[in-house]
Protein backbone atom coordinates (compact mmCIF):
# COMPACT_ATOMS: atom_id res chain seq x y z
CA MET A 1 -41.35 -6.29 -10.31
CA ALA A 2 -37.55 -5.10 -11.80
CA ASN A 3 -37.23 -5.77 -15.18
CA LYS A 4 -35.12 -8.62 -16.40
CA TYR A 5 -31.98 -7.77 -17.68
CA THR A 6 -27.98 -9.41 -17.61
CA CYS A 7 -24.63 -8.08 -17.22
CA VAL A 8 -21.34 -9.83 -17.79
CA PHE A 9 -17.68 -8.67 -18.56
CA SER A 10 -15.47 -9.41 -21.28
CA LEU A 11 -12.35 -8.70 -22.50
CA ASP A 12 -12.02 -7.08 -26.37
CA ARG A 13 -11.33 -10.64 -28.77
CA ARG A 14 -9.05 -8.57 -31.12
CA SER A 15 -6.00 -10.29 -33.93
CA SER A 16 -2.97 -8.74 -35.43
CA ALA A 17 -2.53 -8.13 -38.70
CA ASP A 18 -0.76 -12.16 -38.59
CA GLY A 19 -3.67 -13.12 -36.85
CA ILE A 20 -2.27 -14.17 -33.51
CA PRO A 21 -5.12 -12.35 -30.59
CA ILE A 22 -4.16 -9.55 -28.88
CA THR A 23 -3.52 -10.66 -24.96
CA GLU A 24 -2.07 -7.56 -23.67
CA ASN A 25 -3.83 -4.08 -22.81
CA VAL A 26 -7.23 -5.20 -23.52
CA PRO A 27 -10.23 -3.04 -23.00
CA ILE A 28 -13.24 -4.67 -20.66
CA TYR A 29 -16.48 -4.27 -22.10
CA ALA A 30 -19.76 -4.53 -19.90
CA ASP A 31 -22.03 -6.24 -22.45
CA ILE A 32 -25.93 -5.68 -21.08
CA SER A 33 -28.81 -7.21 -22.22
CA PHE A 34 -32.38 -6.62 -21.69
CA LYS A 35 -35.39 -5.91 -24.68
CA GLN A 36 -31.81 -5.03 -26.46
CA ARG A 37 -28.36 -5.54 -26.38
CA LEU A 38 -25.24 -2.62 -25.13
CA ARG A 39 -21.75 -3.09 -25.10
CA TYR A 40 -20.19 -0.51 -22.60
CA PRO A 41 -16.58 0.20 -22.54
CA THR A 42 -15.38 0.87 -18.92
CA GLY A 43 -12.65 2.59 -20.17
CA TYR A 44 -10.11 0.47 -18.70
CA ARG A 45 -7.95 -2.22 -19.50
CA ILE A 46 -5.65 -5.14 -18.18
CA ASP A 47 -3.46 -7.91 -20.28
CA VAL A 48 -5.73 -11.25 -20.57
CA GLU A 49 -3.51 -13.52 -18.54
CA ARG A 50 -4.12 -10.61 -15.00
CA TRP A 51 -7.68 -11.18 -15.59
CA ILE A 52 -10.10 -13.36 -13.64
CA ASP A 53 -12.96 -15.12 -15.14
CA GLU A 54 -14.59 -18.60 -13.17
CA LYS A 55 -17.21 -19.67 -11.31
CA ARG A 56 -16.90 -20.59 -7.68
CA LYS A 57 -19.60 -22.75 -5.41
CA ASP A 58 -20.76 -20.63 -2.55
CA GLU A 59 -19.80 -22.75 0.58
CA LYS A 60 -22.55 -21.13 2.56
CA THR A 61 -25.29 -20.95 0.20
CA GLY A 62 -24.47 -24.08 -2.28
CA GLU A 63 -24.76 -21.22 -5.15
CA VAL A 64 -22.91 -21.09 -8.19
CA ILE A 65 -21.58 -17.10 -8.57
CA ARG A 66 -19.42 -15.84 -11.89
CA ILE A 67 -16.43 -14.11 -10.75
CA GLN A 68 -15.29 -11.55 -13.07
CA GLN A 69 -13.01 -9.00 -11.81
CA VAL A 70 -8.94 -8.18 -11.93
CA LYS A 71 -6.31 -10.49 -9.92
CA ARG A 72 -4.65 -9.66 -6.70
CA ASN A 73 -1.91 -7.04 -6.79
CA CYS A 74 -2.48 -6.44 -10.30
CA TYR A 75 -2.56 -3.06 -12.34
CA GLY A 76 -4.11 -2.02 -15.47
CA THR A 77 -4.67 1.15 -17.17
CA ARG A 78 -7.67 3.81 -17.93
CA ASP A 79 -6.62 6.92 -20.58
CA LYS A 80 -2.90 5.47 -20.88
CA LYS A 81 -2.04 5.53 -16.72
CA PRO A 82 -1.13 3.07 -14.70
CA ILE A 83 -4.55 1.82 -12.29
CA ALA A 84 -4.36 -0.55 -9.42
CA TYR A 85 -6.54 -3.61 -9.18
CA ASN A 86 -8.54 -2.88 -6.89
CA PHE A 87 -10.21 0.52 -8.29
CA ILE A 88 -11.12 -1.77 -11.33
CA ASN A 89 -12.99 -3.99 -9.07
CA ASP A 90 -14.61 -1.43 -7.06
CA ASP A 91 -15.88 0.43 -10.31
CA LEU A 92 -16.64 -2.88 -11.85
CA LYS A 93 -18.99 -3.33 -8.73
CA LEU A 94 -20.54 -0.17 -9.03
CA ILE A 95 -21.77 -0.98 -12.54
CA GLN A 96 -23.66 -3.55 -11.58
CA PHE A 97 -24.96 -2.47 -8.89
CA SER A 98 -25.78 1.16 -10.89
CA LEU A 99 -27.72 -1.23 -13.44
CA TYR A 100 -29.48 -3.09 -10.65
CA GLU A 101 -31.05 0.35 -9.53
CA LEU A 102 -31.81 1.89 -13.02
CA PHE A 103 -33.95 -1.91 -13.64
CA ARG A 104 -35.62 -2.10 -10.11
CA ASP A 105 -36.65 1.62 -9.97
CA ASN A 106 -37.56 1.92 -13.73
CA GLN A 107 -40.46 0.12 -16.13
CA SER A 108 -38.69 1.74 -19.01
CA VAL A 109 -34.73 2.03 -19.57
CA THR A 110 -33.39 2.72 -23.34
CA LYS A 111 -29.78 2.37 -24.41
CA GLU A 112 -29.12 5.95 -23.88
CA MET A 113 -30.46 5.55 -19.58
CA ILE A 114 -27.82 3.90 -19.48
CA ILE A 115 -24.58 5.32 -21.48
CA SER A 116 -25.92 8.26 -19.32
CA LEU A 117 -25.84 6.97 -16.09
CA LEU A 118 -22.40 4.61 -16.19
CA ASP A 119 -20.65 7.86 -17.70
CA ARG A 120 -21.65 9.93 -14.48
CA LYS A 121 -21.02 7.23 -12.01
CA LEU A 122 -17.76 6.59 -13.50
CA LYS A 123 -16.71 10.01 -13.80
CA LYS A 124 -17.56 9.93 -10.08
CA THR A 125 -15.19 7.01 -8.63
CA LYS A 126 -11.97 8.62 -10.67
CA ASN A 127 -9.18 8.13 -8.70
CA ARG A 128 -9.22 11.94 -6.64
CA VAL A 129 -12.07 13.71 -4.93
CA GLU A 130 -14.51 14.78 -7.41
CA VAL A 131 -17.79 16.67 -7.03
CA GLU A 132 -20.35 17.24 -9.02
CA ALA A 133 -22.14 20.77 -9.78
CA ASP A 134 -25.55 19.57 -8.46
CA GLU A 135 -23.69 18.41 -5.03
CA GLU A 136 -21.16 20.89 -5.16
CA GLU A 137 -22.43 23.56 -2.29
CA LYS A 138 -23.14 20.41 -0.11
CA VAL A 139 -19.59 20.04 0.44
CA ASP A 140 -18.05 21.52 3.36
CA THR A 141 -15.19 23.98 2.79
CA SER A 142 -14.26 24.67 6.64
CA LEU A 143 -11.05 23.37 7.95
CA TRP A 144 -12.13 20.68 9.63
CA GLY A 145 -14.95 19.80 6.44
CA LEU A 146 -11.97 19.29 4.18
CA PHE A 147 -8.95 18.22 6.46
CA ALA A 148 -11.80 15.02 6.79
CA LEU A 149 -12.68 14.79 3.42
CA PHE A 150 -8.96 14.25 2.78
CA THR A 151 -8.31 11.58 4.99
CA LYS A 152 -11.13 9.40 2.51
CA GLU A 153 -8.83 10.27 -0.40
CA PRO A 154 -9.76 7.48 -2.83
CA SER A 155 -6.09 7.27 -4.49
CA VAL A 156 -4.42 6.04 -1.63
CA THR A 157 -3.13 3.13 0.17
CA ALA A 158 -4.49 1.78 3.48
CA GLY A 159 -1.34 2.79 5.16
CA THR A 160 -0.94 5.78 3.96
CA ARG A 161 -4.83 6.64 4.98
CA GLN A 162 -4.36 5.46 8.51
CA ILE A 163 -1.24 8.13 8.77
CA PHE A 164 -3.80 11.30 7.61
CA ASN A 165 -6.05 9.75 10.21
CA ASN A 166 -3.25 10.04 12.68
CA ALA A 167 -2.55 14.01 11.96
CA TYR A 168 -5.93 14.90 11.21
CA ASN A 169 -6.74 13.32 14.96
CA THR A 170 -3.51 14.77 16.56
CA PHE A 171 -4.10 17.94 14.99
CA LYS A 172 -7.41 18.04 16.72
CA HIS A 173 -6.25 17.54 19.36
CA PHE A 174 -4.46 20.22 19.42
CA GLU A 175 -7.73 22.23 18.93
CA GLU A 176 -9.65 20.72 21.98
CA SER A 177 -5.45 21.81 24.36
CA ARG A 178 -6.44 25.28 23.02
CA LYS A 179 -10.27 25.36 23.68
CA HIS A 180 -10.46 27.23 20.30
CA LYS A 181 -11.60 26.58 17.02
CA ILE A 182 -9.21 26.74 14.69
CA THR A 183 -9.92 27.81 10.98
CA PHE A 184 -7.83 28.49 7.42
CA GLU A 185 -6.94 32.46 8.30
CA GLU A 186 -5.26 31.18 12.06
CA CYS A 187 -3.19 28.61 10.54
CA THR A 188 0.35 30.70 10.75
CA PRO A 189 3.92 29.44 10.17
CA ARG A 190 3.46 30.35 13.99
CA LEU A 191 0.38 28.18 14.57
CA ILE A 192 2.63 25.04 13.09
CA SER A 193 5.61 25.94 15.65
CA GLU A 194 2.97 26.18 18.36
CA PHE A 195 1.81 22.40 17.38
CA ASP A 196 4.75 21.33 16.88
CA GLU A 197 5.88 22.03 20.47
CA PHE A 198 2.64 20.78 21.75
CA MET A 199 3.55 17.38 19.96
CA LYS A 200 6.99 17.44 21.78
CA ARG A 201 5.24 17.37 24.97
CA ASP A 202 1.83 15.59 24.89
CA ASP A 203 1.72 12.74 26.25
CA ASN A 204 1.10 10.76 29.69
CA ARG A 205 4.43 10.91 31.44
CA THR A 206 3.13 13.20 33.64
CA GLY A 207 0.19 10.85 34.63
CA LYS A 208 -1.96 14.21 33.33
CA TYR A 209 -4.54 11.54 30.95
CA ASP A 210 -4.78 8.92 33.86
CA HIS A 211 -8.58 9.65 34.24
CA ILE A 212 -9.30 8.39 30.84
CA PRO A 213 -9.30 4.44 29.15
CA LEU A 214 -5.21 3.49 28.40
CA ARG A 215 -6.17 3.09 25.11
CA GLN A 216 -7.63 6.79 23.83
CA ARG A 217 -4.21 8.28 26.09
CA PRO A 218 -1.85 10.43 23.76
CA ASN A 219 0.94 7.82 23.11
CA ILE A 220 5.10 9.44 23.14
CA LYS A 221 5.63 10.74 19.83
CA GLY A 222 9.00 10.69 18.55
CA HIS A 223 11.40 13.10 16.16
CA ASN A 224 10.13 11.35 12.99
CA THR A 225 6.86 11.21 14.20
CA ARG A 226 6.12 14.23 14.18
CA LEU A 227 7.54 15.33 11.00
CA LYS A 228 5.51 12.55 9.84
CA VAL A 229 1.98 14.52 10.93
CA ILE A 230 3.76 17.76 10.23
CA LYS A 231 4.28 16.34 6.58
CA THR A 232 0.80 15.35 6.34
CA LEU A 233 -0.07 18.74 6.80
CA PHE A 234 1.50 20.33 4.77
CA THR A 235 0.25 17.86 1.99
CA PHE A 236 -2.93 18.51 3.38
CA PHE A 237 -2.92 22.22 2.31
CA ARG A 238 -1.67 21.79 -0.67
CA TRP A 239 -4.25 19.63 -1.28
CA ALA A 240 -7.23 22.34 -0.19
CA ALA A 241 -5.50 25.10 -2.53
CA LYS A 242 -5.57 22.82 -5.74
CA ASN A 243 -8.88 21.74 -5.44
CA TYR A 244 -10.78 24.39 -3.47
CA GLY A 245 -8.94 27.08 -4.20
CA ILE A 246 -7.49 27.73 -0.24
CA THR A 247 -5.22 30.56 -0.17
CA VAL A 248 -3.88 29.75 3.37
CA ILE A 249 -0.01 28.95 3.44
CA PRO A 250 1.05 28.43 6.87
CA PHE A 251 4.11 26.50 5.43
CA GLU A 252 5.51 29.66 3.34
CA ASN A 253 8.16 30.52 5.54
CA TYR A 254 8.40 27.35 7.83
CA LYS A 255 11.98 25.58 8.79
CA LYS A 256 11.18 21.85 8.72
CA GLU A 257 13.31 19.51 10.28
CA THR A 258 14.49 15.99 8.57
CA GLU A 259 14.36 13.03 9.82
CA ASN A 260 16.33 10.78 11.65
CA TYR A 261 16.77 7.39 11.19
CA ASP A 262 19.11 5.32 12.68
CA ASP A 263 21.47 2.47 10.39
CA PRO A 264 18.95 -0.18 9.10
CA VAL A 265 18.36 -2.90 11.02
CA TYR A 266 18.33 -6.09 8.73
CA LEU A 267 19.90 -9.85 8.80
CA THR A 268 23.35 -10.65 7.20
CA ILE A 269 23.03 -13.74 4.58
CA ALA A 270 24.62 -15.89 7.28
CA GLU A 271 21.65 -14.79 9.73
CA ARG A 272 18.84 -15.33 6.76
CA GLU A 273 20.33 -18.81 5.94
CA SER A 274 20.15 -19.92 9.63
CA LEU A 275 16.79 -19.00 9.48
CA TYR A 276 15.74 -21.30 6.84
CA ASN A 277 17.44 -23.90 7.98
CA PHE A 278 15.46 -22.97 11.62
CA THR A 279 12.83 -25.82 12.66
CA PRO A 280 10.87 -24.04 14.94
CA SER A 281 8.97 -25.28 17.89
CA LYS A 282 4.88 -24.32 16.94
CA PRO A 283 3.55 -24.92 13.10
CA TYR A 284 2.30 -21.83 13.29
CA LEU A 285 6.57 -20.09 13.39
CA GLU A 286 7.11 -22.62 10.72
CA ARG A 287 5.21 -20.80 8.56
CA VAL A 288 5.97 -17.16 9.48
CA ARG A 289 9.82 -18.60 9.04
CA ASP A 290 8.69 -19.65 5.38
CA MET A 291 6.66 -15.99 4.95
CA PHE A 292 9.85 -14.12 6.55
CA TYR A 293 11.99 -16.36 4.76
CA VAL A 294 10.28 -15.79 0.84
CA GLN A 295 9.63 -11.92 1.92
CA CYS A 296 14.02 -11.54 2.59
CA CYS A 297 14.51 -13.32 -0.47
CA VAL A 298 12.28 -11.24 -2.71
CA GLY A 299 12.45 -7.71 -0.80
CA CYS A 300 8.59 -6.90 -1.40
CA ARG A 301 6.71 -4.13 1.06
CA VAL A 302 4.45 -5.99 3.29
CA GLY A 303 1.71 -4.62 1.88
CA ASP A 304 2.63 -6.23 -1.62
CA PHE A 305 3.65 -8.85 0.05
CA GLN A 306 1.02 -9.99 1.28
CA ASN A 307 -0.99 -9.42 -1.53
CA LEU A 308 1.10 -11.77 -3.70
CA SER A 309 -0.88 -15.05 -5.48
CA LYS A 310 0.53 -17.78 -7.50
CA ALA A 311 -0.74 -15.49 -11.07
CA ASN A 312 2.57 -13.23 -9.97
CA LEU A 313 4.49 -16.55 -10.73
CA LYS A 314 6.13 -16.74 -14.04
CA ASN A 315 7.99 -19.32 -15.64
CA ASP A 316 10.46 -18.08 -18.74
CA GLU A 317 12.54 -20.40 -20.14
CA ASP A 318 15.68 -19.20 -17.97
CA GLY A 319 13.94 -20.01 -14.61
CA VAL A 320 11.21 -18.47 -11.94
CA TYR A 321 9.92 -15.05 -11.91
CA LEU A 322 7.99 -13.36 -9.13
CA GLU A 323 6.26 -9.99 -10.45
CA TYR A 324 4.58 -7.52 -9.60
CA ALA A 325 3.44 -4.06 -9.38
CA PRO A 326 4.29 -2.20 -6.00
CA LYS A 327 1.57 -0.17 -4.54
CA LYS A 328 2.68 2.69 -3.67
CA THR A 329 4.29 4.02 -6.46
CA ILE A 330 1.63 2.70 -9.16
CA ARG A 331 -0.08 6.35 -9.86
CA GLU A 332 3.52 7.43 -10.36
CA LYS A 333 4.44 5.36 -12.70
CA ILE A 334 4.09 1.89 -13.81
CA ARG A 335 6.96 -0.15 -12.49
CA VAL A 336 7.15 -3.64 -12.54
CA CYS A 337 8.94 -5.55 -10.00
CA ARG A 338 10.60 -9.11 -11.23
CA ILE A 339 13.00 -10.92 -9.13
CA PRO A 340 14.31 -13.95 -10.08
CA LEU A 341 13.61 -16.36 -7.24
CA SER A 342 16.38 -19.20 -6.29
CA SER A 343 15.38 -22.66 -5.87
CA LYS A 344 15.48 -22.71 -2.04
CA VAL A 345 12.54 -19.76 -2.46
CA GLN A 346 10.46 -22.51 -4.59
CA GLY A 347 11.10 -25.01 -2.76
CA VAL A 348 8.98 -22.99 -0.09
CA ILE A 349 6.15 -21.68 -1.75
CA ALA A 350 5.54 -25.20 -3.44
CA LYS A 351 4.65 -26.45 0.46
CA TYR A 352 1.46 -24.49 0.07
CA ASP A 353 -1.38 -24.51 -1.87
CA PHE A 354 -4.24 -22.53 -1.24
CA PRO A 355 -7.73 -22.61 -3.04
CA ASP A 356 -7.74 -18.49 -3.86
CA GLY A 357 -4.79 -19.25 -4.73
CA ARG A 358 -2.68 -17.20 -2.23
CA LEU A 359 1.23 -17.73 -2.43
CA LEU A 360 2.06 -17.84 1.23
CA PRO A 361 -0.81 -18.32 4.70
CA TYR A 362 -0.89 -14.82 4.90
CA ILE A 363 -1.55 -13.14 8.71
CA SER A 364 -2.72 -9.97 9.64
CA SER A 365 0.41 -7.17 9.66
CA GLN A 366 0.05 -6.94 13.67
CA LYS A 367 0.27 -10.42 14.14
CA TYR A 368 3.19 -11.42 11.69
CA ASN A 369 5.28 -8.48 13.03
CA GLU A 370 4.81 -10.51 16.67
CA TYR A 371 5.75 -13.82 15.52
CA ILE A 372 8.63 -12.38 13.61
CA GLY A 373 10.63 -11.56 16.87
CA GLU A 374 9.32 -14.52 18.60
CA LEU A 375 10.59 -16.64 15.80
CA LEU A 376 14.10 -15.36 15.93
CA LYS A 377 14.19 -15.13 19.64
CA GLU A 378 13.68 -19.01 19.62
CA ALA A 379 16.20 -19.13 16.81
CA GLY A 380 18.45 -17.21 18.77
CA LEU A 381 18.86 -14.34 16.30
CA ASN A 382 20.20 -12.01 19.60
CA ARG A 383 22.96 -10.24 18.08
CA LYS A 384 23.01 -6.45 20.34
CA VAL A 385 22.50 -3.97 17.66
CA MET A 386 22.65 -0.03 18.91
CA VAL A 387 19.86 1.74 18.59
CA THR A 388 18.91 5.33 19.31
CA CYS A 389 15.51 6.73 20.76
CA LYS A 390 13.75 9.44 18.86
CA VAL A 391 12.74 10.92 22.12
CA THR A 392 15.45 11.18 24.57
CA PHE A 393 17.88 10.90 22.02
CA LYS A 394 19.73 8.31 23.72
CA SER A 395 21.36 5.46 22.45
CA GLU A 396 21.35 1.78 23.63
CA TYR A 397 21.94 -1.57 22.58
CA LYS A 398 18.77 -4.07 22.14
CA PRO A 399 19.29 -7.80 20.90
CA LEU A 400 17.84 -8.54 17.09
CA TYR A 401 15.01 -10.10 18.25
CA GLU A 402 13.62 -7.21 19.42
CA LEU A 403 14.07 -4.64 16.51
CA ILE A 404 13.35 -6.90 13.40
CA THR A 405 9.92 -6.19 11.60
CA SER A 406 8.31 -8.03 8.29
CA HIS A 407 9.36 -4.48 6.88
CA SER A 408 13.13 -5.68 8.09
CA ALA A 409 12.90 -7.80 5.34
CA ARG A 410 13.26 -5.19 2.59
CA LYS A 411 15.73 -3.88 4.37
CA THR A 412 17.99 -7.28 4.23
CA PHE A 413 16.94 -7.98 0.61
CA ILE A 414 18.45 -4.40 -0.15
CA ASP A 415 22.13 -4.79 1.72
CA ILE A 416 22.32 -8.49 1.38
CA HIS A 417 22.36 -7.50 -2.57
CA MET A 418 24.90 -4.47 -2.18
CA LYS A 419 26.89 -6.13 0.10
CA LYS A 420 27.09 -8.45 -3.44
CA GLY A 421 28.55 -5.93 -5.85
CA VAL A 422 24.68 -5.97 -7.05
CA SER A 423 24.63 -2.14 -8.89
CA GLU A 424 21.59 0.25 -7.30
CA SER A 425 19.20 0.37 -10.03
CA VAL A 426 19.41 -3.49 -10.64
CA ILE A 427 18.84 -3.89 -7.09
CA ALA A 428 15.84 -1.61 -7.25
CA SER A 429 14.28 -2.88 -11.15
CA MET A 430 13.56 -5.77 -7.96
CA SER A 431 12.79 -3.65 -5.08
CA GLY A 432 10.68 -0.96 -6.90
CA HIS A 433 12.30 1.81 -5.42
CA VAL A 434 12.12 5.10 -8.04
CA LYS A 435 14.76 6.91 -9.25
CA GLY A 436 16.19 8.99 -6.98
CA SER A 437 14.57 7.44 -3.71
CA ARG A 438 16.23 8.49 -0.33
CA ALA A 439 14.56 5.57 1.22
CA PHE A 440 16.89 3.10 -0.53
CA HIS A 441 19.75 4.43 0.53
CA ARG A 442 18.60 3.95 4.42
CA TYR A 443 18.28 0.33 3.68
CA TYR A 444 22.52 -0.13 3.32
CA HIS A 445 24.98 -0.01 5.85
CA VAL A 446 28.40 -0.02 5.46
CA ASP A 447 30.10 -2.74 7.85
CA ASP A 448 33.24 -3.58 9.42
CA ALA A 449 35.04 -5.96 7.00
CA GLN A 450 34.08 -3.37 4.10
CA ARG A 451 35.81 -0.79 5.85
CA ARG A 452 39.01 -2.48 6.40
CA GLU A 453 38.86 -3.27 3.12
CA ALA A 454 39.16 0.41 2.18
CA ILE A 455 42.11 0.98 4.16
CA LYS A 456 43.87 -2.14 2.92
CA VAL A 457 43.87 -0.19 -0.54
CA THR A 458 45.69 2.51 0.83
CA GLU A 459 47.76 0.80 3.41
């Protein structure tokens, strides 16, 4: 029979010299009670307003459960470094599970045993790959062993992990085509060039993959897709050198190409407002219209947007703001995006009130993109836009509704504000772009009205 114990998480309660409670960047403790009491410092800190401590009733079992965790899309700190909410919450769960195993498997538990166990467990779950000394021999340090480990890096976002996995699978397919196992020693600039040429022709245009299921057939890879795979390989070799002393440098003399981008595809302010005033024929398109309009007005990446909750709204004396920390750059620098919300945006958000605090009726990214195209087509947003195929490099015109995605909302936000003369630094403070970001300037397009104004100045 397991020993009885309890573990609850609490925020440190302190006051300033003036007697005012400190509510920012306060430590999170695990308060453990058994035959003794122990307050264990988790090492994490969080603002009080970003912490959840409430009881909820399980709809299936009727059991009342205490929820203690960091709010979604918020961040805390550890060793003065920013840590995203999901990593903190994962460690809090790890503490609970580790204690459960400890008390289940031992008749007598001491404070020293608890501290030793939790120190070791939390060290293993830092936001980088670490291996305990007694497990180090078990790591497969071959090319494919480390590449597989690299794709499981805990510090990256789900989108980046997908890019890592795609690069792994493509490089593995290249190995299969050569019918010879690739090792670290064989990775030279010449092999990388051979791999790049392989990606250019590895698809089913000739029907050579007709014998395998449709979903398993390699797709045509455009210029930027190939470069993304090559860049991932470069990152992997650098990671292997830093963490495992792999001295192979296949990119030392390799000439890397540059990415090729079309002008950004976005909505004009008139198109954005016409979408706001449009009444869709179906309820799900109305919800998508509301989501897309709000996203166009706040400029979030879709990953951040889908995690927004009512906790991200801040009511100040001069208005309502949306505040969040972009997941993509949170490990590089603490950067809080703060966007004033217009009355229209506030009105859209006020339509929805979900028990879990979601800001809007989010759906999967795939469905979101699919329905955005359907919505714009129904709304008659069919302006012709020139795009260039990244495989054939031939240009063609396509209607706007075929090109707009959830990421276009971010481009729309930046382009509209640039054309209104808002400074880049102010826009970046709302969009979350870091200083010197090359992507920022890809989201802005000079139009004919600006060109005409430029010519008038010289007449």
